[in-house]
Amino acid sequence: MALATSGLGLRGVLVNCEDAKARAFYLHVIPAFVPLPSHDLTLVVSMKSLRASLPALEE
């Protein structure tokens, strides 16, 4: 099964974490997330990196 977003043309995912606990959760679940240099509670990940970090979604 292909990742559901493959036909949508998405380039990445951006998450605005409410607090440090939420940030730790997202980084634990998807280690490919990277915090923005200007805002530590905003995480981004490209779709390519997301697919690589969650191979079960590609089956």
PDB file of N, CA and C in Angstrom:
ATOM      1  N   MET A   1       0.849  -1.186   0.000  1.00  0.00           N
ATOM      2  CA  MET A   1       0.000   0.000   0.000  1.00  0.00           C
ATOM      3  C   MET A   1       0.890   1.243   0.000  1.00  0.00           C
ATOM      4  N   ALA A   2       0.643   2.159  -0.892  1.00  0.00           N
ATOM      5  CA  ALA A   2       1.429   3.393  -0.959  1.00  0.00           C
ATOM      6  C   ALA A   2       0.972   4.349   0.129  1.00  0.00           C
ATOM      7  N   LEU A   3       1.880   5.199   0.530  1.00  0.00           N
ATOM      8  CA  LEU A   3       1.543   6.222   1.513  1.00  0.00           C
ATOM      9  C   LEU A   3       0.384   7.056   0.981  1.00  0.00           C
ATOM     10  N   ALA A   4      -0.617   7.305   1.785  1.00  0.00           N
ATOM     11  CA  ALA A   4      -1.844   7.965   1.350  1.00  0.00           C
ATOM     12  C   ALA A   4      -1.604   9.349   0.752  1.00  0.00           C
ATOM     13  N   THR A   5      -0.535  10.008   1.115  1.00  0.00           N
ATOM     14  CA  THR A   5      -0.288  11.364   0.631  1.00  0.00           C
ATOM     15  C   THR A   5       0.499  11.396  -0.676  1.00  0.00           C
ATOM     16  N   SER A   6       0.865  10.251  -1.222  1.00  0.00           N
ATOM     17  CA  SER A   6       1.745  10.239  -2.388  1.00  0.00           C
ATOM     18  C   SER A   6       1.142  10.940  -3.593  1.00  0.00           C
ATOM     19  N   GLY A   7      -0.159  10.961  -3.725  1.00  0.00           N
ATOM     20  CA  GLY A   7      -0.793  11.623  -4.854  1.00  0.00           C
ATOM     21  C   GLY A   7      -1.175  13.067  -4.601  1.00  0.00           C
ATOM     22  N   LEU A   8      -0.889  13.588  -3.433  1.00  0.00           N
ATOM     23  CA  LEU A   8      -1.302  14.941  -3.083  1.00  0.00           C
ATOM     24  C   LEU A   8      -0.254  16.008  -3.372  1.00  0.00           C
ATOM     25  N   GLY A   9       0.965  15.617  -3.640  1.00  0.00           N
ATOM     26  CA  GLY A   9       2.019  16.589  -3.899  1.00  0.00           C
ATOM     27  C   GLY A   9       2.543  17.274  -2.652  1.00  0.00           C
ATOM     28  N   LEU A  10       2.412  16.635  -1.509  1.00  0.00           N
ATOM     29  CA  LEU A  10       2.935  17.212  -0.275  1.00  0.00           C
ATOM     30  C   LEU A  10       4.452  17.119  -0.254  1.00  0.00           C
ATOM     31  N   ARG A  11       5.103  18.146   0.245  1.00  0.00           N
ATOM     32  CA  ARG A  11       6.561  18.168   0.334  1.00  0.00           C
ATOM     33  C   ARG A  11       7.063  17.841   1.727  1.00  0.00           C
ATOM     34  N   GLY A  12       6.225  18.049   2.733  1.00  0.00           N
ATOM     35  CA  GLY A  12       6.662  17.789   4.091  1.00  0.00           C
ATOM     36  C   GLY A  12       5.546  17.993   5.085  1.00  0.00           C
ATOM     37  N   VAL A  13       5.900  17.835   6.360  1.00  0.00           N
ATOM     38  CA  VAL A  13       4.954  18.002   7.458  1.00  0.00           C
ATOM     39  C   VAL A  13       5.569  18.978   8.457  1.00  0.00           C
ATOM     40  N   LEU A  14       4.769  19.895   8.936  1.00  0.00           N
ATOM     41  CA  LEU A  14       5.186  20.867   9.938  1.00  0.00           C
ATOM     42  C   LEU A  14       4.276  20.694  11.148  1.00  0.00           C
ATOM     43  N   VAL A  15       4.875  20.597  12.335  1.00  0.00           N
ATOM     44  CA  VAL A  15       4.114  20.427  13.566  1.00  0.00           C
ATOM     45  C   VAL A  15       4.511  21.535  14.530  1.00  0.00           C
ATOM     46  N   ASN A  16       3.515  22.245  15.055  1.00  0.00           N
ATOM     47  CA  ASN A  16       3.743  23.234  16.108  1.00  0.00           C
ATOM     48  C   ASN A  16       3.395  22.569  17.432  1.00  0.00           C
ATOM     49  N   CYS A  17       4.404  22.223  18.204  1.00  0.00           N
ATOM     50  CA  CYS A  17       4.206  21.534  19.480  1.00  0.00           C
ATOM     51  C   CYS A  17       3.744  22.512  20.547  1.00  0.00           C
ATOM     52  N   GLU A  18       2.833  22.058  21.375  1.00  0.00           N
ATOM     53  CA  GLU A  18       2.311  22.903  22.443  1.00  0.00           C
ATOM     54  C   GLU A  18       3.342  23.145  23.538  1.00  0.00           C
ATOM     55  N   ASP A  19       4.155  22.119  23.806  1.00  0.00           N
ATOM     56  CA  ASP A  19       5.151  22.237  24.871  1.00  0.00           C
ATOM     57  C   ASP A  19       6.281  21.237  24.640  1.00  0.00           C
ATOM     58  N   ALA A  20       7.230  21.227  25.562  1.00  0.00           N
ATOM     59  CA  ALA A  20       8.395  20.347  25.423  1.00  0.00           C
ATOM     60  C   ALA A  20       8.010  18.871  25.490  1.00  0.00           C
ATOM     61  N   LYS A  21       6.969  18.545  26.236  1.00  0.00           N
ATOM     62  CA  LYS A  21       6.513  17.159  26.325  1.00  0.00           C
ATOM     63  C   LYS A  21       5.989  16.675  24.970  1.00  0.00           C
ATOM     64  N   ALA A  22       5.226  17.512  24.295  1.00  0.00           N
ATOM     65  CA  ALA A  22       4.717  17.164  22.962  1.00  0.00           C
ATOM     66  C   ALA A  22       5.871  17.040  21.970  1.00  0.00           C
ATOM     67  N   ARG A  23       6.848  17.937  22.076  1.00  0.00           N
ATOM     68  CA  ARG A  23       8.029  17.892  21.200  1.00  0.00           C
ATOM     69  C   ARG A  23       8.768  16.571  21.386  1.00  0.00           C
ATOM     70  N   ALA A  24       8.958  16.149  22.625  1.00  0.00           N
ATOM     71  CA  ALA A  24       9.636  14.888  22.912  1.00  0.00           C
ATOM     72  C   ALA A  24       8.862  13.706  22.333  1.00  0.00           C
ATOM     73  N   PHE A  25       7.538  13.770  22.407  1.00  0.00           N
ATOM     74  CA  PHE A  25       6.712  12.699  21.846  1.00  0.00           C
ATOM     75  C   PHE A  25       6.923  12.581  20.336  1.00  0.00           C
ATOM     76  N   TYR A  26       6.813  13.692  19.617  1.00  0.00           N
ATOM     77  CA  TYR A  26       6.980  13.655  18.159  1.00  0.00           C
ATOM     78  C   TYR A  26       8.370  13.193  17.763  1.00  0.00           C
ATOM     79  N   LEU A  27       9.389  13.635  18.475  1.00  0.00           N
ATOM     80  CA  LEU A  27      10.755  13.221  18.166  1.00  0.00           C
ATOM     81  C   LEU A  27      10.981  11.744  18.484  1.00  0.00           C
ATOM     82  N   HIS A  28      10.256  11.215  19.440  1.00  0.00           N
ATOM     83  CA  HIS A  28      10.352   9.789  19.759  1.00  0.00           C
ATOM     84  C   HIS A  28       9.669   8.949  18.673  1.00  0.00           C
ATOM     85  N   VAL A  29       8.478   9.362  18.258  1.00  0.00           N
ATOM     86  CA  VAL A  29       7.705   8.602  17.275  1.00  0.00           C
ATOM     87  C   VAL A  29       8.326   8.700  15.887  1.00  0.00           C
ATOM     88  N   ILE A  30       8.758   9.892  15.500  1.00  0.00           N
ATOM     89  CA  ILE A  30       9.357  10.115  14.177  1.00  0.00           C
ATOM     90  C   ILE A  30      10.676  10.864  14.369  1.00  0.00           C
ATOM     91  N   PRO A  31      11.766  10.134  14.552  1.00  0.00           N
ATOM     92  CA  PRO A  31      13.066  10.758  14.801  1.00  0.00           C
ATOM     93  C   PRO A  31      13.558  11.648  13.662  1.00  0.00           C
ATOM     94  N   ALA A  32      12.970  11.528  12.487  1.00  0.00           N
ATOM     95  CA  ALA A  32      13.394  12.345  11.344  1.00  0.00           C
ATOM     96  C   ALA A  32      12.961  13.806  11.476  1.00  0.00           C
ATOM     97  N   PHE A  33      12.057  14.113  12.411  1.00  0.00           N
ATOM     98  CA  PHE A  33      11.657  15.509  12.618  1.00  0.00           C
ATOM     99  C   PHE A  33      12.873  16.342  13.003  1.00  0.00           C
ATOM    100  N   VAL A  34      12.906  17.580  12.522  1.00  0.00           N
ATOM    101  CA  VAL A  34      13.991  18.518  12.825  1.00  0.00           C
ATOM    102  C   VAL A  34      13.365  19.801  13.363  1.00  0.00           C
ATOM    103  N   PRO A  35      13.827  20.305  14.509  1.00  0.00           N
ATOM    104  CA  PRO A  35      13.305  21.577  15.024  1.00  0.00           C
ATOM    105  C   PRO A  35      13.793  22.748  14.167  1.00  0.00           C
ATOM    106  N   LEU A  36      12.932  23.736  13.992  1.00  0.00           N
ATOM    107  CA  LEU A  36      13.343  24.950  13.290  1.00  0.00           C
ATOM    108  C   LEU A  36      14.339  25.707  14.166  1.00  0.00           C
ATOM    109  N   PRO A  37      15.387  26.249  13.571  1.00  0.00           N
ATOM    110  CA  PRO A  37      16.367  27.009  14.364  1.00  0.00           C
ATOM    111  C   PRO A  37      15.744  28.206  15.084  1.00  0.00           C
ATOM    112  N   SER A  38      14.732  28.799  14.484  1.00  0.00           N
ATOM    113  CA  SER A  38      14.128  29.994  15.063  1.00  0.00           C
ATOM    114  C   SER A  38      13.047  29.691  16.106  1.00  0.00           C
ATOM    115  N   HIS A  39      12.568  28.445  16.153  1.00  0.00           N
ATOM    116  CA  HIS A  39      11.509  28.092  17.098  1.00  0.00           C
ATOM    117  C   HIS A  39      11.624  26.615  17.441  1.00  0.00           C
ATOM    118  N   ASP A  40      12.134  26.319  18.611  1.00  0.00           N
ATOM    119  CA  ASP A  40      12.429  24.957  19.036  1.00  0.00           C
ATOM    120  C   ASP A  40      11.205  24.049  19.113  1.00  0.00           C
ATOM    121  N   LEU A  41      10.009  24.619  19.244  1.00  0.00           N
ATOM    122  CA  LEU A  41       8.798  23.811  19.354  1.00  0.00           C
ATOM    123  C   LEU A  41       8.116  23.581  18.009  1.00  0.00           C
ATOM    124  N   THR A  42       8.722  24.031  16.922  1.00  0.00           N
ATOM    125  CA  THR A  42       8.196  23.774  15.589  1.00  0.00           C
ATOM    126  C   THR A  42       9.100  22.757  14.916  1.00  0.00           C
ATOM    127  N   LEU A  43       8.502  21.628  14.526  1.00  0.00           N
ATOM    128  CA  LEU A  43       9.241  20.535  13.917  1.00  0.00           C
ATOM    129  C   LEU A  43       8.844  20.380  12.461  1.00  0.00           C
ATOM    130  N   VAL A  44       9.804  20.029  11.615  1.00  0.00           N
ATOM    131  CA  VAL A  44       9.531  19.793  10.199  1.00  0.00           C
ATOM    132  C   VAL A  44      10.188  18.490   9.764  1.00  0.00           C
ATOM    133  N   VAL A  45       9.596  17.871   8.767  1.00  0.00           N
ATOM    134  CA  VAL A  45      10.166  16.668   8.163  1.00  0.00           C
ATOM    135  C   VAL A  45       9.697  16.610   6.710  1.00  0.00           C
ATOM    136  N   SER A  46      10.599  16.264   5.818  1.00  0.00           N
ATOM    137  CA  SER A  46      10.219  16.106   4.412  1.00  0.00           C
ATOM    138  C   SER A  46       9.467  14.792   4.252  1.00  0.00           C
ATOM    139  N   MET A  47       8.650  14.688   3.221  1.00  0.00           N
ATOM    140  CA  MET A  47       7.925  13.451   2.972  1.00  0.00           C
ATOM    141  C   MET A  47       8.895  12.312   2.696  1.00  0.00           C
ATOM    142  N   LYS A  48       9.990  12.609   2.016  1.00  0.00           N
ATOM    143  CA  LYS A  48      10.993  11.587   1.731  1.00  0.00           C
ATOM    144  C   LYS A  48      11.560  11.015   3.028  1.00  0.00           C
ATOM    145  N   SER A  49      11.915  11.881   3.968  1.00  0.00           N
ATOM    146  CA  SER A  49      12.442  11.425   5.259  1.00  0.00           C
ATOM    147  C   SER A  49      11.369  10.715   6.076  1.00  0.00           C
ATOM    148  N   LEU A  50      10.139  11.195   5.977  1.00  0.00           N
ATOM    149  CA  LEU A  50       9.038  10.563   6.705  1.00  0.00           C
ATOM    150  C   LEU A  50       8.817   9.143   6.193  1.00  0.00           C
ATOM    151  N   ARG A  51       8.788   8.974   4.881  1.00  0.00           N
ATOM    152  CA  ARG A  51       8.624   7.631   4.312  1.00  0.00           C
ATOM    153  C   ARG A  51       9.761   6.705   4.738  1.00  0.00           C
ATOM    154  N   ALA A  52      10.978   7.215   4.747  1.00  0.00           N
ATOM    155  CA  ALA A  52      12.139   6.394   5.128  1.00  0.00           C
ATOM    156  C   ALA A  52      12.079   5.995   6.594  1.00  0.00           C
ATOM    157  N   SER A  53      11.527   6.851   7.441  1.00  0.00           N
ATOM    158  CA  SER A  53      11.496   6.551   8.868  1.00  0.00           C
ATOM    159  C   SER A  53      10.302   5.676   9.256  1.00  0.00           C
ATOM    160  N   LEU A  54       9.320   5.550   8.361  1.00  0.00           N
ATOM    161  CA  LEU A  54       8.148   4.727   8.624  1.00  0.00           C
ATOM    162  C   LEU A  54       7.936   3.726   7.492  1.00  0.00           C
ATOM    163  N   PRO A  55       8.840   2.773   7.317  1.00  0.00           N
ATOM    164  CA  PRO A  55       8.762   1.851   6.173  1.00  0.00           C
ATOM    165  C   PRO A  55       7.501   1.009   6.152  1.00  0.00           C
ATOM    166  N   ALA A  56       6.862   0.783   7.278  1.00  0.00           N
ATOM    167  CA  ALA A  56       5.639  -0.030   7.300  1.00  0.00           C
ATOM    168  C   ALA A  56       4.516   0.606   6.486  1.00  0.00           C
ATOM    169  N   LEU A  57       4.544   1.919   6.299  1.00  0.00           N
ATOM    170  CA  LEU A  57       3.518   2.597   5.527  1.00  0.00           C
ATOM    171  C   LEU A  57       3.629   2.318   4.029  1.00  0.00           C
ATOM    172  N   GLU A  58       4.771   1.883   3.584  1.00  0.00           N
ATOM    173  CA  GLU A  58       5.016   1.657   2.161  1.00  0.00           C
ATOM    174  C   GLU A  58       4.566   0.282   1.688  1.00  0.00           C
ATOM    175  N   GLU A  59       4.219  -0.613   2.600  1.00  0.00           N
ATOM    176  CA  GLU A  59       3.856  -1.980   2.224  1.00  0.00           C
ATOM    177  C   GLU A  59       2.564  -2.032   1.457  1.00  0.00           C
TER     178      GLU A  59
END
